[in-house]
Every structure is written in structure tokens, then in C-alpha cells.
Amino acid sequence: LQRFTKTDVAKFEMVFLQLPHIASWGAQK
């Protein structure tokens, strides 16, 4: 439960950069 993937990292980073629309695109995109 403490592991995460590179796509999770991208999602977290984009959300915290206030770009949730990009985080909503889907993991790979």
C-alpha cells in the first residue's frame, strides 16, 4: 500500500502544480 508508480508521481505533481485537468487526462498521457 506504500508503493506508487511513475504515473502516480506525475498525477501528484500535476495536481500540486494546480494542473488537475492534466492529472485527469489518464495515467500515461
mmCIF file of all heavy atoms, coordinates in Angstrom:
data_MODEL
# 
_entry.id   MODEL 
# 
loop_
_atom_site.group_PDB 
_atom_site.id 
_atom_site.type_symbol 
_atom_site.label_atom_id 
_atom_site.label_alt_id 
_atom_site.label_comp_id 
_atom_site.label_asym_id 
_atom_site.label_entity_id 
_atom_site.label_seq_id 
_atom_site.pdbx_PDB_ins_code 
_atom_site.Cartn_x 
_atom_site.Cartn_y 
_atom_site.Cartn_z 
_atom_site.occupancy 
_atom_site.B_iso_or_equiv 
_atom_site.pdbx_formal_charge 
_atom_site.auth_seq_id 
_atom_site.auth_comp_id 
_atom_site.auth_asym_id 
_atom_site.auth_atom_id 
_atom_site.pdbx_PDB_model_num 
ATOM 1   N N   . LEU A 1 1  ? 0.816  -1.216 0.000   1.00 0.00 ? 1  LEU A N   1 
ATOM 2   C CA  . LEU A 1 1  ? 0.000  0.000  0.000   1.00 0.00 ? 1  LEU A CA  1 
ATOM 3   C C   . LEU A 1 1  ? 0.851  1.269  0.000   1.00 0.00 ? 1  LEU A C   1 
ATOM 4   O O   . LEU A 1 1  ? 0.344  2.352  -0.262  1.00 0.00 ? 1  LEU A O   1 
ATOM 5   C CB  . LEU A 1 1  ? -0.949 0.012  1.202   1.00 0.00 ? 1  LEU A CB  1 
ATOM 6   C CG  . LEU A 1 1  ? -2.091 -0.994 1.141   1.00 0.00 ? 1  LEU A CG  1 
ATOM 7   C CD1 . LEU A 1 1  ? -2.899 -0.955 2.431   1.00 0.00 ? 1  LEU A CD1 1 
ATOM 8   C CD2 . LEU A 1 1  ? -2.981 -0.736 -0.058  1.00 0.00 ? 1  LEU A CD2 1 
ATOM 9   N N   . GLN A 1 2  ? 2.132  1.141  0.291   1.00 0.00 ? 2  GLN A N   1 
ATOM 10  C CA  . GLN A 1 2  ? 3.007  2.311  0.301   1.00 0.00 ? 2  GLN A CA  1 
ATOM 11  C C   . GLN A 1 2  ? 3.750  2.518  -1.014  1.00 0.00 ? 2  GLN A C   1 
ATOM 12  O O   . GLN A 1 2  ? 4.511  3.457  -1.151  1.00 0.00 ? 2  GLN A O   1 
ATOM 13  C CB  . GLN A 1 2  ? 4.011  2.207  1.451   1.00 0.00 ? 2  GLN A CB  1 
ATOM 14  C CG  . GLN A 1 2  ? 3.364  2.336  2.801   1.00 0.00 ? 2  GLN A CG  1 
ATOM 15  C CD  . GLN A 1 2  ? 4.373  2.287  3.922   1.00 0.00 ? 2  GLN A CD  1 
ATOM 16  O OE1 . GLN A 1 2  ? 5.539  1.974  3.730   1.00 0.00 ? 2  GLN A OE1 1 
ATOM 17  N NE2 . GLN A 1 2  ? 3.922  2.618  5.112   1.00 0.00 ? 2  GLN A NE2 1 
ATOM 18  N N   . ARG A 1 3  ? 3.517  1.668  -1.965  1.00 0.00 ? 3  ARG A N   1 
ATOM 19  C CA  . ARG A 1 3  ? 4.205  1.838  -3.243  1.00 0.00 ? 3  ARG A CA  1 
ATOM 20  C C   . ARG A 1 3  ? 3.335  2.666  -4.184  1.00 0.00 ? 3  ARG A C   1 
ATOM 21  O O   . ARG A 1 3  ? 2.121  2.733  -4.037  1.00 0.00 ? 3  ARG A O   1 
ATOM 22  C CB  . ARG A 1 3  ? 4.549  0.491  -3.862  1.00 0.00 ? 3  ARG A CB  1 
ATOM 23  C CG  . ARG A 1 3  ? 3.353  -0.262 -4.353  1.00 0.00 ? 3  ARG A CG  1 
ATOM 24  C CD  . ARG A 1 3  ? 3.744  -1.581 -4.954  1.00 0.00 ? 3  ARG A CD  1 
ATOM 25  N NE  . ARG A 1 3  ? 2.517  -2.281 -5.292  1.00 0.00 ? 3  ARG A NE  1 
ATOM 26  C CZ  . ARG A 1 3  ? 2.468  -3.373 -5.988  1.00 0.00 ? 3  ARG A CZ  1 
ATOM 27  N NH1 . ARG A 1 3  ? 3.569  -3.927 -6.424  1.00 0.00 ? 3  ARG A NH1 1 
ATOM 28  N NH2 . ARG A 1 3  ? 1.333  -3.935 -6.255  1.00 0.00 ? 3  ARG A NH2 1 
ATOM 29  N N   . PHE A 1 4  ? 3.994  3.307  -5.111  1.00 0.00 ? 4  PHE A N   1 
ATOM 30  C CA  . PHE A 1 4  ? 3.278  4.016  -6.158  1.00 0.00 ? 4  PHE A CA  1 
ATOM 31  C C   . PHE A 1 4  ? 4.121  3.992  -7.412  1.00 0.00 ? 4  PHE A C   1 
ATOM 32  O O   . PHE A 1 4  ? 5.308  3.694  -7.375  1.00 0.00 ? 4  PHE A O   1 
ATOM 33  C CB  . PHE A 1 4  ? 2.886  5.446  -5.752  1.00 0.00 ? 4  PHE A CB  1 
ATOM 34  C CG  . PHE A 1 4  ? 3.997  6.277  -5.188  1.00 0.00 ? 4  PHE A CG  1 
ATOM 35  C CD1 . PHE A 1 4  ? 4.882  6.939  -6.012  1.00 0.00 ? 4  PHE A CD1 1 
ATOM 36  C CD2 . PHE A 1 4  ? 4.147  6.410  -3.825  1.00 0.00 ? 4  PHE A CD2 1 
ATOM 37  C CE1 . PHE A 1 4  ? 5.897  7.719  -5.496  1.00 0.00 ? 4  PHE A CE1 1 
ATOM 38  C CE2 . PHE A 1 4  ? 5.157  7.192  -3.289  1.00 0.00 ? 4  PHE A CE2 1 
ATOM 39  C CZ  . PHE A 1 4  ? 6.035  7.845  -4.137  1.00 0.00 ? 4  PHE A CZ  1 
ATOM 40  N N   . THR A 1 5  ? 3.487  4.307  -8.522  1.00 0.00 ? 5  THR A N   1 
ATOM 41  C CA  . THR A 1 5  ? 4.135  4.184  -9.823  1.00 0.00 ? 5  THR A CA  1 
ATOM 42  C C   . THR A 1 5  ? 4.593  5.550  -10.333 1.00 0.00 ? 5  THR A C   1 
ATOM 43  O O   . THR A 1 5  ? 4.236  6.590  -9.776  1.00 0.00 ? 5  THR A O   1 
ATOM 44  C CB  . THR A 1 5  ? 3.155  3.589  -10.848 1.00 0.00 ? 5  THR A CB  1 
ATOM 45  O OG1 . THR A 1 5  ? 2.089  4.524  -11.046 1.00 0.00 ? 5  THR A OG1 1 
ATOM 46  C CG2 . THR A 1 5  ? 2.592  2.248  -10.365 1.00 0.00 ? 5  THR A CG2 1 
ATOM 47  N N   . LYS A 1 6  ? 5.320  5.513  -11.426 1.00 0.00 ? 6  LYS A N   1 
ATOM 48  C CA  . LYS A 1 6  ? 5.765  6.765  -12.056 1.00 0.00 ? 6  LYS A CA  1 
ATOM 49  C C   . LYS A 1 6  ? 4.560  7.581  -12.523 1.00 0.00 ? 6  LYS A C   1 
ATOM 50  O O   . LYS A 1 6  ? 4.594  8.814  -12.485 1.00 0.00 ? 6  LYS A O   1 
ATOM 51  C CB  . LYS A 1 6  ? 6.707  6.473  -13.225 1.00 0.00 ? 6  LYS A CB  1 
ATOM 52  C CG  . LYS A 1 6  ? 6.040  5.732  -14.369 1.00 0.00 ? 6  LYS A CG  1 
ATOM 53  C CD  . LYS A 1 6  ? 7.008  5.350  -15.456 1.00 0.00 ? 6  LYS A CD  1 
ATOM 54  C CE  . LYS A 1 6  ? 6.264  4.653  -16.583 1.00 0.00 ? 6  LYS A CE  1 
ATOM 55  N NZ  . LYS A 1 6  ? 7.168  4.151  -17.600 1.00 0.00 ? 6  LYS A NZ  1 
ATOM 56  N N   . THR A 1 7  ? 3.493  6.917  -12.937 1.00 0.00 ? 7  THR A N   1 
ATOM 57  C CA  . THR A 1 7  ? 2.307  7.658  -13.374 1.00 0.00 ? 7  THR A CA  1 
ATOM 58  C C   . THR A 1 7  ? 1.601  8.290  -12.174 1.00 0.00 ? 7  THR A C   1 
ATOM 59  O O   . THR A 1 7  ? 1.003  9.360  -12.314 1.00 0.00 ? 7  THR A O   1 
ATOM 60  C CB  . THR A 1 7  ? 1.353  6.758  -14.184 1.00 0.00 ? 7  THR A CB  1 
ATOM 61  O OG1 . THR A 1 7  ? 0.983  5.618  -13.416 1.00 0.00 ? 7  THR A OG1 1 
ATOM 62  C CG2 . THR A 1 7  ? 1.992  6.321  -15.495 1.00 0.00 ? 7  THR A CG2 1 
ATOM 63  N N   . ASP A 1 8  ? 1.687  7.642  -11.007 1.00 0.00 ? 8  ASP A N   1 
ATOM 64  C CA  . ASP A 1 8  ? 1.141  8.257  -9.793  1.00 0.00 ? 8  ASP A CA  1 
ATOM 65  C C   . ASP A 1 8  ? 1.927  9.520  -9.454  1.00 0.00 ? 8  ASP A C   1 
ATOM 66  O O   . ASP A 1 8  ? 1.349  10.545 -9.092  1.00 0.00 ? 8  ASP A O   1 
ATOM 67  C CB  . ASP A 1 8  ? 1.203  7.292  -8.608  1.00 0.00 ? 8  ASP A CB  1 
ATOM 68  C CG  . ASP A 1 8  ? 0.281  6.106  -8.732  1.00 0.00 ? 8  ASP A CG  1 
ATOM 69  O OD1 . ASP A 1 8  ? -0.774 6.225  -9.386  1.00 0.00 ? 8  ASP A OD1 1 
ATOM 70  O OD2 . ASP A 1 8  ? 0.622  5.036  -8.169  1.00 0.00 ? 8  ASP A OD2 1 
ATOM 71  N N   . VAL A 1 9  ? 3.247  9.449  -9.583  1.00 0.00 ? 9  VAL A N   1 
ATOM 72  C CA  . VAL A 1 9  ? 4.100  10.616 -9.306  1.00 0.00 ? 9  VAL A CA  1 
ATOM 73  C C   . VAL A 1 9  ? 3.687  11.772 -10.203 1.00 0.00 ? 9  VAL A C   1 
ATOM 74  O O   . VAL A 1 9  ? 3.520  12.905 -9.744  1.00 0.00 ? 9  VAL A O   1 
ATOM 75  C CB  . VAL A 1 9  ? 5.597  10.282 -9.506  1.00 0.00 ? 9  VAL A CB  1 
ATOM 76  C CG1 . VAL A 1 9  ? 6.451  11.550 -9.427  1.00 0.00 ? 9  VAL A CG1 1 
ATOM 77  C CG2 . VAL A 1 9  ? 6.057  9.264  -8.478  1.00 0.00 ? 9  VAL A CG2 1 
ATOM 78  N N   . ALA A 1 10 ? 3.492  11.492 -11.472 1.00 0.00 ? 10 ALA A N   1 
ATOM 79  C CA  . ALA A 1 10 ? 3.087  12.544 -12.411 1.00 0.00 ? 10 ALA A CA  1 
ATOM 80  C C   . ALA A 1 10 ? 1.756  13.161 -11.989 1.00 0.00 ? 10 ALA A C   1 
ATOM 81  O O   . ALA A 1 10 ? 1.592  14.387 -11.996 1.00 0.00 ? 10 ALA A O   1 
ATOM 82  C CB  . ALA A 1 10 ? 2.986  11.975 -13.821 1.00 0.00 ? 10 ALA A CB  1 
ATOM 83  N N   . LYS A 1 11 ? 0.806  12.317 -11.609 1.00 0.00 ? 11 LYS A N   1 
ATOM 84  C CA  . LYS A 1 11 ? -0.507 12.815 -11.184 1.00 0.00 ? 11 LYS A CA  1 
ATOM 85  C C   . LYS A 1 11 ? -0.374 13.694 -9.942  1.00 0.00 ? 11 LYS A C   1 
ATOM 86  O O   . LYS A 1 11 ? -0.924 14.806 -9.897  1.00 0.00 ? 11 LYS A O   1 
ATOM 87  C CB  . LYS A 1 11 ? -1.440 11.631 -10.910 1.00 0.00 ? 11 LYS A CB  1 
ATOM 88  C CG  . LYS A 1 11 ? -2.798 12.024 -10.375 1.00 0.00 ? 11 LYS A CG  1 
ATOM 89  C CD  . LYS A 1 11 ? -3.735 10.853 -10.237 1.00 0.00 ? 11 LYS A CD  1 
ATOM 90  C CE  . LYS A 1 11 ? -3.123 9.722  -9.465  1.00 0.00 ? 11 LYS A CE  1 
ATOM 91  N NZ  . LYS A 1 11 ? -4.006 8.585  -9.273  1.00 0.00 ? 11 LYS A NZ  1 
ATOM 92  N N   . PHE A 1 12 ? 0.373  13.225 -8.937  1.00 0.00 ? 12 PHE A N   1 
ATOM 93  C CA  . PHE A 1 12 ? 0.548  14.029 -7.725  1.00 0.00 ? 12 PHE A CA  1 
ATOM 94  C C   . PHE A 1 12 ? 1.184  15.369 -8.052  1.00 0.00 ? 12 PHE A C   1 
ATOM 95  O O   . PHE A 1 12 ? 0.725  16.422 -7.596  1.00 0.00 ? 12 PHE A O   1 
ATOM 96  C CB  . PHE A 1 12 ? 1.435  13.295 -6.700  1.00 0.00 ? 12 PHE A CB  1 
ATOM 97  C CG  . PHE A 1 12 ? 0.941  11.942 -6.277  1.00 0.00 ? 12 PHE A CG  1 
ATOM 98  C CD1 . PHE A 1 12 ? 1.835  10.954 -5.903  1.00 0.00 ? 12 PHE A CD1 1 
ATOM 99  C CD2 . PHE A 1 12 ? -0.412 11.631 -6.240  1.00 0.00 ? 12 PHE A CD2 1 
ATOM 100 C CE1 . PHE A 1 12 ? 1.413  9.699  -5.505  1.00 0.00 ? 12 PHE A CE1 1 
ATOM 101 C CE2 . PHE A 1 12 ? -0.854 10.370 -5.847  1.00 0.00 ? 12 PHE A CE2 1 
ATOM 102 C CZ  . PHE A 1 12 ? 0.067  9.404  -5.474  1.00 0.00 ? 12 PHE A CZ  1 
ATOM 103 N N   . GLU A 1 13 ? 2.236  15.339 -8.851  1.00 0.00 ? 13 GLU A N   1 
ATOM 104 C CA  . GLU A 1 13 ? 2.949  16.573 -9.182  1.00 0.00 ? 13 GLU A CA  1 
ATOM 105 C C   . GLU A 1 13 ? 2.048  17.550 -9.943  1.00 0.00 ? 13 GLU A C   1 
ATOM 106 O O   . GLU A 1 13 ? 2.046  18.743 -9.645  1.00 0.00 ? 13 GLU A O   1 
ATOM 107 C CB  . GLU A 1 13 ? 4.195  16.264 -10.005 1.00 0.00 ? 13 GLU A CB  1 
ATOM 108 C CG  . GLU A 1 13 ? 5.262  15.512 -9.237  1.00 0.00 ? 13 GLU A CG  1 
ATOM 109 C CD  . GLU A 1 13 ? 6.141  16.397 -8.387  1.00 0.00 ? 13 GLU A CD  1 
ATOM 110 O OE1 . GLU A 1 13 ? 5.653  17.391 -7.832  1.00 0.00 ? 13 GLU A OE1 1 
ATOM 111 O OE2 . GLU A 1 13 ? 7.331  16.091 -8.292  1.00 0.00 ? 13 GLU A OE2 1 
ATOM 112 N N   . MET A 1 14 ? 1.312  17.054 -10.910 1.00 0.00 ? 14 MET A N   1 
ATOM 113 C CA  . MET A 1 14 ? 0.445  17.942 -11.695 1.00 0.00 ? 14 MET A CA  1 
ATOM 114 C C   . MET A 1 14 ? -0.667 18.544 -10.826 1.00 0.00 ? 14 MET A C   1 
ATOM 115 O O   . MET A 1 14 ? -0.996 19.723 -10.978 1.00 0.00 ? 14 MET A O   1 
ATOM 116 C CB  . MET A 1 14 ? -0.141 17.215 -12.903 1.00 0.00 ? 14 MET A CB  1 
ATOM 117 C CG  . MET A 1 14 ? 0.923  16.818 -13.922 1.00 0.00 ? 14 MET A CG  1 
ATOM 118 S SD  . MET A 1 14 ? 2.044  18.167 -14.374 1.00 0.00 ? 14 MET A SD  1 
ATOM 119 C CE  . MET A 1 14 ? 1.605  18.421 -16.059 1.00 0.00 ? 14 MET A CE  1 
ATOM 120 N N   . VAL A 1 15 ? -1.201 17.771 -9.914  1.00 0.00 ? 15 VAL A N   1 
ATOM 121 C CA  . VAL A 1 15 ? -2.228 18.298 -9.007  1.00 0.00 ? 15 VAL A CA  1 
ATOM 122 C C   . VAL A 1 15 ? -1.638 19.407 -8.149  1.00 0.00 ? 15 VAL A C   1 
ATOM 123 O O   . VAL A 1 15 ? -2.234 20.482 -8.013  1.00 0.00 ? 15 VAL A O   1 
ATOM 124 C CB  . VAL A 1 15 ? -2.827 17.173 -8.141  1.00 0.00 ? 15 VAL A CB  1 
ATOM 125 C CG1 . VAL A 1 15 ? -3.611 17.739 -6.964  1.00 0.00 ? 15 VAL A CG1 1 
ATOM 126 C CG2 . VAL A 1 15 ? -3.719 16.273 -8.988  1.00 0.00 ? 15 VAL A CG2 1 
ATOM 127 N N   . PHE A 1 16 ? -0.461 19.168 -7.585  1.00 0.00 ? 16 PHE A N   1 
ATOM 128 C CA  . PHE A 1 16 ? 0.133  20.161 -6.706  1.00 0.00 ? 16 PHE A CA  1 
ATOM 129 C C   . PHE A 1 16 ? 0.698  21.358 -7.469  1.00 0.00 ? 16 PHE A C   1 
ATOM 130 O O   . PHE A 1 16 ? 0.956  22.400 -6.867  1.00 0.00 ? 16 PHE A O   1 
ATOM 131 C CB  . PHE A 1 16 ? 1.166  19.518 -5.783  1.00 0.00 ? 16 PHE A CB  1 
ATOM 132 C CG  . PHE A 1 16 ? 0.510  18.770 -4.651  1.00 0.00 ? 16 PHE A CG  1 
ATOM 133 C CD1 . PHE A 1 16 ? 0.124  17.450 -4.809  1.00 0.00 ? 16 PHE A CD1 1 
ATOM 134 C CD2 . PHE A 1 16 ? 0.229  19.399 -3.460  1.00 0.00 ? 16 PHE A CD2 1 
ATOM 135 C CE1 . PHE A 1 16 ? -0.506 16.772 -3.790  1.00 0.00 ? 16 PHE A CE1 1 
ATOM 136 C CE2 . PHE A 1 16 ? -0.404 18.726 -2.427  1.00 0.00 ? 16 PHE A CE2 1 
ATOM 137 C CZ  . PHE A 1 16 ? -0.775 17.411 -2.594  1.00 0.00 ? 16 PHE A CZ  1 
ATOM 138 N N   . LEU A 1 17 ? 0.850  21.223 -8.772  1.00 0.00 ? 17 LEU A N   1 
ATOM 139 C CA  . LEU A 1 17 ? 1.195  22.367 -9.621  1.00 0.00 ? 17 LEU A CA  1 
ATOM 140 C C   . LEU A 1 17 ? -0.074 23.085 -10.094 1.00 0.00 ? 17 LEU A C   1 
ATOM 141 O O   . LEU A 1 17 ? -0.009 23.970 -10.938 1.00 0.00 ? 17 LEU A O   1 
ATOM 142 C CB  . LEU A 1 17 ? 2.015  21.913 -10.836 1.00 0.00 ? 17 LEU A CB  1 
ATOM 143 C CG  . LEU A 1 17 ? 3.442  21.488 -10.537 1.00 0.00 ? 17 LEU A CG  1 
ATOM 144 C CD1 . LEU A 1 17 ? 4.075  20.839 -11.765 1.00 0.00 ? 17 LEU A CD1 1 
ATOM 145 C CD2 . LEU A 1 17 ? 4.275  22.690 -10.070 1.00 0.00 ? 17 LEU A CD2 1 
ATOM 146 N N   . GLN A 1 18 ? -1.203 22.677 -9.567  1.00 0.00 ? 18 GLN A N   1 
ATOM 147 C CA  . GLN A 1 18 ? -2.519 23.244 -9.877  1.00 0.00 ? 18 GLN A CA  1 
ATOM 148 C C   . GLN A 1 18 ? -2.897 23.030 -11.339 1.00 0.00 ? 18 GLN A C   1 
ATOM 149 O O   . GLN A 1 18 ? -3.451 23.920 -11.989 1.00 0.00 ? 18 GLN A O   1 
ATOM 150 C CB  . GLN A 1 18 ? -2.577 24.714 -9.485  1.00 0.00 ? 18 GLN A CB  1 
ATOM 151 C CG  . GLN A 1 18 ? -2.388 24.910 -7.985  1.00 0.00 ? 18 GLN A CG  1 
ATOM 152 C CD  . GLN A 1 18 ? -2.271 26.356 -7.616  1.00 0.00 ? 18 GLN A CD  1 
ATOM 153 O OE1 . GLN A 1 18 ? -1.275 27.006 -7.903  1.00 0.00 ? 18 GLN A OE1 1 
ATOM 154 N NE2 . GLN A 1 18 ? -3.318 26.851 -6.990  1.00 0.00 ? 18 GLN A NE2 1 
ATOM 155 N N   . LEU A 1 19 ? -2.617 21.838 -11.821 1.00 0.00 ? 19 LEU A N   1 
ATOM 156 C CA  . LEU A 1 19 ? -2.981 21.438 -13.173 1.00 0.00 ? 19 LEU A CA  1 
ATOM 157 C C   . LEU A 1 19 ? -3.808 20.146 -13.122 1.00 0.00 ? 19 LEU A C   1 
ATOM 158 O O   . LEU A 1 19 ? -3.445 19.134 -13.737 1.00 0.00 ? 19 LEU A O   1 
ATOM 159 C CB  . LEU A 1 19 ? -1.715 21.242 -14.022 1.00 0.00 ? 19 LEU A CB  1 
ATOM 160 C CG  . LEU A 1 19 ? -0.830 22.477 -14.173 1.00 0.00 ? 19 LEU A CG  1 
ATOM 161 C CD1 . LEU A 1 19 ? 0.527  22.106 -14.755 1.00 0.00 ? 19 LEU A CD1 1 
ATOM 162 C CD2 . LEU A 1 19 ? -1.531 23.524 -15.019 1.00 0.00 ? 19 LEU A CD2 1 
ATOM 163 N N   . PRO A 1 20 ? -4.931 20.176 -12.397 1.00 0.00 ? 20 PRO A N   1 
ATOM 164 C CA  . PRO A 1 20 ? -5.717 18.948 -12.235 1.00 0.00 ? 20 PRO A CA  1 
ATOM 165 C C   . PRO A 1 20 ? -6.338 18.452 -13.528 1.00 0.00 ? 20 PRO A C   1 
ATOM 166 O O   . PRO A 1 20 ? -6.638 17.262 -13.649 1.00 0.00 ? 20 PRO A O   1 
ATOM 167 C CB  . PRO A 1 20 ? -6.782 19.336 -11.214 1.00 0.00 ? 20 PRO A CB  1 
ATOM 168 C CG  . PRO A 1 20 ? -6.962 20.812 -11.427 1.00 0.00 ? 20 PRO A CG  1 
ATOM 169 C CD  . PRO A 1 20 ? -5.568 21.313 -11.733 1.00 0.00 ? 20 PRO A CD  1 
ATOM 170 N N   . HIS A 1 21 ? -6.542 19.351 -14.485 1.00 0.00 ? 21 HIS A N   1 
ATOM 171 C CA  . HIS A 1 21 ? -7.094 18.907 -15.765 1.00 0.00 ? 21 HIS A CA  1 
ATOM 172 C C   . HIS A 1 21 ? -6.118 17.970 -16.457 1.00 0.00 ? 21 HIS A C   1 
ATOM 173 O O   . HIS A 1 21 ? -6.530 17.001 -17.099 1.00 0.00 ? 21 HIS A O   1 
ATOM 174 C CB  . HIS A 1 21 ? -7.463 20.101 -16.660 1.00 0.00 ? 21 HIS A CB  1 
ATOM 175 C CG  . HIS A 1 21 ? -6.345 21.044 -16.917 1.00 0.00 ? 21 HIS A CG  1 
ATOM 176 N ND1 . HIS A 1 21 ? -5.882 21.942 -15.979 1.00 0.00 ? 21 HIS A ND1 1 
ATOM 177 C CD2 . HIS A 1 21 ? -5.578 21.230 -18.018 1.00 0.00 ? 21 HIS A CD2 1 
ATOM 178 C CE1 . HIS A 1 21 ? -4.882 22.643 -16.483 1.00 0.00 ? 21 HIS A CE1 1 
ATOM 179 N NE2 . HIS A 1 21 ? -4.677 22.226 -17.735 1.00 0.00 ? 21 HIS A NE2 1 
ATOM 180 N N   . ILE A 1 22 ? -4.824 18.210 -16.304 1.00 0.00 ? 22 ILE A N   1 
ATOM 181 C CA  . ILE A 1 22 ? -3.822 17.311 -16.884 1.00 0.00 ? 22 ILE A CA  1 
ATOM 182 C C   . ILE A 1 22 ? -3.786 16.003 -16.102 1.00 0.00 ? 22 ILE A C   1 
ATOM 183 O O   . ILE A 1 22 ? -3.702 14.926 -16.696 1.00 0.00 ? 22 ILE A O   1 
ATOM 184 C CB  . ILE A 1 22 ? -2.439 17.985 -16.943 1.00 0.00 ? 22 ILE A CB  1 
ATOM 185 C CG1 . ILE A 1 22 ? -2.492 19.178 -17.906 1.00 0.00 ? 22 ILE A CG1 1 
ATOM 186 C CG2 . ILE A 1 22 ? -1.361 16.977 -17.371 1.00 0.00 ? 22 ILE A CG2 1 
ATOM 187 C CD1 . ILE A 1 22 ? -1.236 20.012 -17.942 1.00 0.00 ? 22 ILE A CD1 1 
ATOM 188 N N   . ALA A 1 23 ? -3.880 16.080 -14.785 1.00 0.00 ? 23 ALA A N   1 
ATOM 189 C CA  . ALA A 1 23 ? -3.925 14.863 -13.968 1.00 0.00 ? 23 ALA A CA  1 
ATOM 190 C C   . ALA A 1 23 ? -5.142 14.007 -14.316 1.00 0.00 ? 23 ALA A C   1 
ATOM 191 O O   . ALA A 1 23 ? -5.114 12.791 -14.153 1.00 0.00 ? 23 ALA A O   1 
ATOM 192 C CB  . ALA A 1 23 ? -3.943 15.222 -12.485 1.00 0.00 ? 23 ALA A CB  1 
ATOM 193 N N   . SER A 1 24 ? -6.185 14.640 -14.821 1.00 0.00 ? 24 SER A N   1 
ATOM 194 C CA  . SER A 1 24 ? -7.421 13.926 -15.183 1.00 0.00 ? 24 SER A CA  1 
ATOM 195 C C   . SER A 1 24 ? -7.358 13.297 -16.582 1.00 0.00 ? 24 SER A C   1 
ATOM 196 O O   . SER A 1 24 ? -8.272 12.580 -16.974 1.00 0.00 ? 24 SER A O   1 
ATOM 197 C CB  . SER A 1 24 ? -8.613 14.891 -15.124 1.00 0.00 ? 24 SER A CB  1 
ATOM 198 O OG  . SER A 1 24 ? -8.808 15.365 -13.809 1.00 0.00 ? 24 SER A OG  1 
ATOM 199 N N   . TRP A 1 25 ? -6.304 13.552 -17.323 1.00 0.00 ? 25 TRP A N   1 
ATOM 200 C CA  . TRP A 1 25 ? -6.189 13.029 -18.684 1.00 0.00 ? 25 TRP A CA  1 
ATOM 201 C C   . TRP A 1 25 ? -6.061 11.513 -18.722 1.00 0.00 ? 25 TRP A C   1 
ATOM 202 O O   . TRP A 1 25 ? -6.311 10.900 -19.750 1.00 0.00 ? 25 TRP A O   1 
ATOM 203 C CB  . TRP A 1 25 ? -4.978 13.615 -19.386 1.00 0.00 ? 25 TRP A CB  1 
ATOM 204 C CG  . TRP A 1 25 ? -5.115 15.030 -19.830 1.00 0.00 ? 25 TRP A CG  1 
ATOM 205 C CD1 . TRP A 1 25 ? -6.218 15.817 -19.766 1.00 0.00 ? 25 TRP A CD1 1 
ATOM 206 C CD2 . TRP A 1 25 ? -4.085 15.835 -20.419 1.00 0.00 ? 25 TRP A CD2 1 
ATOM 207 N NE1 . TRP A 1 25 ? -5.945 17.064 -20.267 1.00 0.00 ? 25 TRP A NE1 1 
ATOM 208 C CE2 . TRP A 1 25 ? -4.636 17.096 -20.677 1.00 0.00 ? 25 TRP A CE2 1 
ATOM 209 C CE3 . TRP A 1 25 ? -2.763 15.606 -20.733 1.00 0.00 ? 25 TRP A CE3 1 
ATOM 210 C CZ2 . TRP A 1 25 ? -3.916 18.116 -21.253 1.00 0.00 ? 25 TRP A CZ2 1 
ATOM 211 C CZ3 . TRP A 1 25 ? -2.034 16.625 -21.302 1.00 0.00 ? 25 TRP A CZ3 1 
ATOM 212 C CH2 . TRP A 1 25 ? -2.607 17.875 -21.562 1.00 0.00 ? 25 TRP A CH2 1 
ATOM 213 N N   . GLY A 1 26 ? -5.583 10.923 -17.661 1.00 0.00 ? 26 GLY A N   1 
ATOM 214 C CA  . GLY A 1 26 ? -5.288 9.497  -17.655 1.00 0.00 ? 26 GLY A CA  1 
ATOM 215 C C   . GLY A 1 26 ? -3.820 9.309  -17.370 1.00 0.00 ? 26 GLY A C   1 
ATOM 216 O O   . GLY A 1 26 ? -3.001 10.215 -17.597 1.00 0.00 ? 26 GLY A O   1 
ATOM 217 N N   . ALA A 1 27 ? -3.465 8.148  -16.866 1.00 0.00 ? 27 ALA A N   1 
ATOM 218 C CA  . ALA A 1 27 ? -2.125 7.897  -16.348 1.00 0.00 ? 27 ALA A CA  1 
ATOM 219 C C   . ALA A 1 27 ? -1.014 8.164  -17.360 1.00 0.00 ? 27 ALA A C   1 
ATOM 220 O O   . ALA A 1 27 ? -0.099 8.946  -17.093 1.00 0.00 ? 27 ALA A O   1 
ATOM 221 C CB  . ALA A 1 27 ? -2.037 6.472  -15.817 1.00 0.00 ? 27 ALA A CB  1 
ATOM 222 N N   . GLN A 1 28 ? -1.069 7.524  -18.510 1.00 0.00 ? 28 GLN A N   1 
ATOM 223 C CA  . GLN A 1 28 ? 0.036  7.634  -19.466 1.00 0.00 ? 28 GLN A CA  1 
ATOM 224 C C   . GLN A 1 28 ? 0.132  9.019  -20.096 1.00 0.00 ? 28 GLN A C   1 
ATOM 225 O O   . GLN A 1 28 ? 1.225  9.563  -20.260 1.00 0.00 ? 28 GLN A O   1 
ATOM 226 C CB  . GLN A 1 28 ? -0.082 6.555  -20.554 1.00 0.00 ? 28 GLN A CB  1 
ATOM 227 C CG  . GLN A 1 28 ? 0.168  5.161  -20.037 1.00 0.00 ? 28 GLN A CG  1 
ATOM 228 C CD  . GLN A 1 28 ? 1.535  4.988  -19.397 1.00 0.00 ? 28 GLN A CD  1 
ATOM 229 O OE1 . GLN A 1 28 ? 2.535  5.542  -19.855 1.00 0.00 ? 28 GLN A OE1 1 
ATOM 230 N NE2 . GLN A 1 28 ? 1.594  4.228  -18.321 1.00 0.00 ? 28 GLN A NE2 1 
ATOM 231 N N   . LYS A 1 29 ? -1.007 9.587  -20.437 1.00 0.00 ? 29 LYS A N   1 
ATOM 232 C CA  . LYS A 1 29 ? -0.997 10.911 -21.054 1.00 0.00 ? 29 LYS A CA  1 
ATOM 233 C C   . LYS A 1 29 ? -0.517 11.972 -20.058 1.00 0.00 ? 29 LYS A C   1 
ATOM 234 O O   . LYS A 1 29 ? 0.259  12.869 -20.415 1.00 0.00 ? 29 LYS A O   1 
ATOM 235 C CB  . LYS A 1 29 ? -2.398 11.237 -21.581 1.00 0.00 ? 29 LYS A CB  1 
ATOM 236 C CG  . LYS A 1 29 ? -2.425 12.389 -22.539 1.00 0.00 ? 29 LYS A CG  1 
ATOM 237 C CD  . LYS A 1 29 ? -3.785 12.515 -23.200 1.00 0.00 ? 29 LYS A CD  1 
ATOM 238 C CE  . LYS A 1 29 ? -3.812 13.696 -24.145 1.00 0.00 ? 29 LYS A CE  1 
ATOM 239 N NZ  . LYS A 1 29 ? -5.132 13.917 -24.723 1.00 0.00 ? 29 LYS A NZ  1 
# 
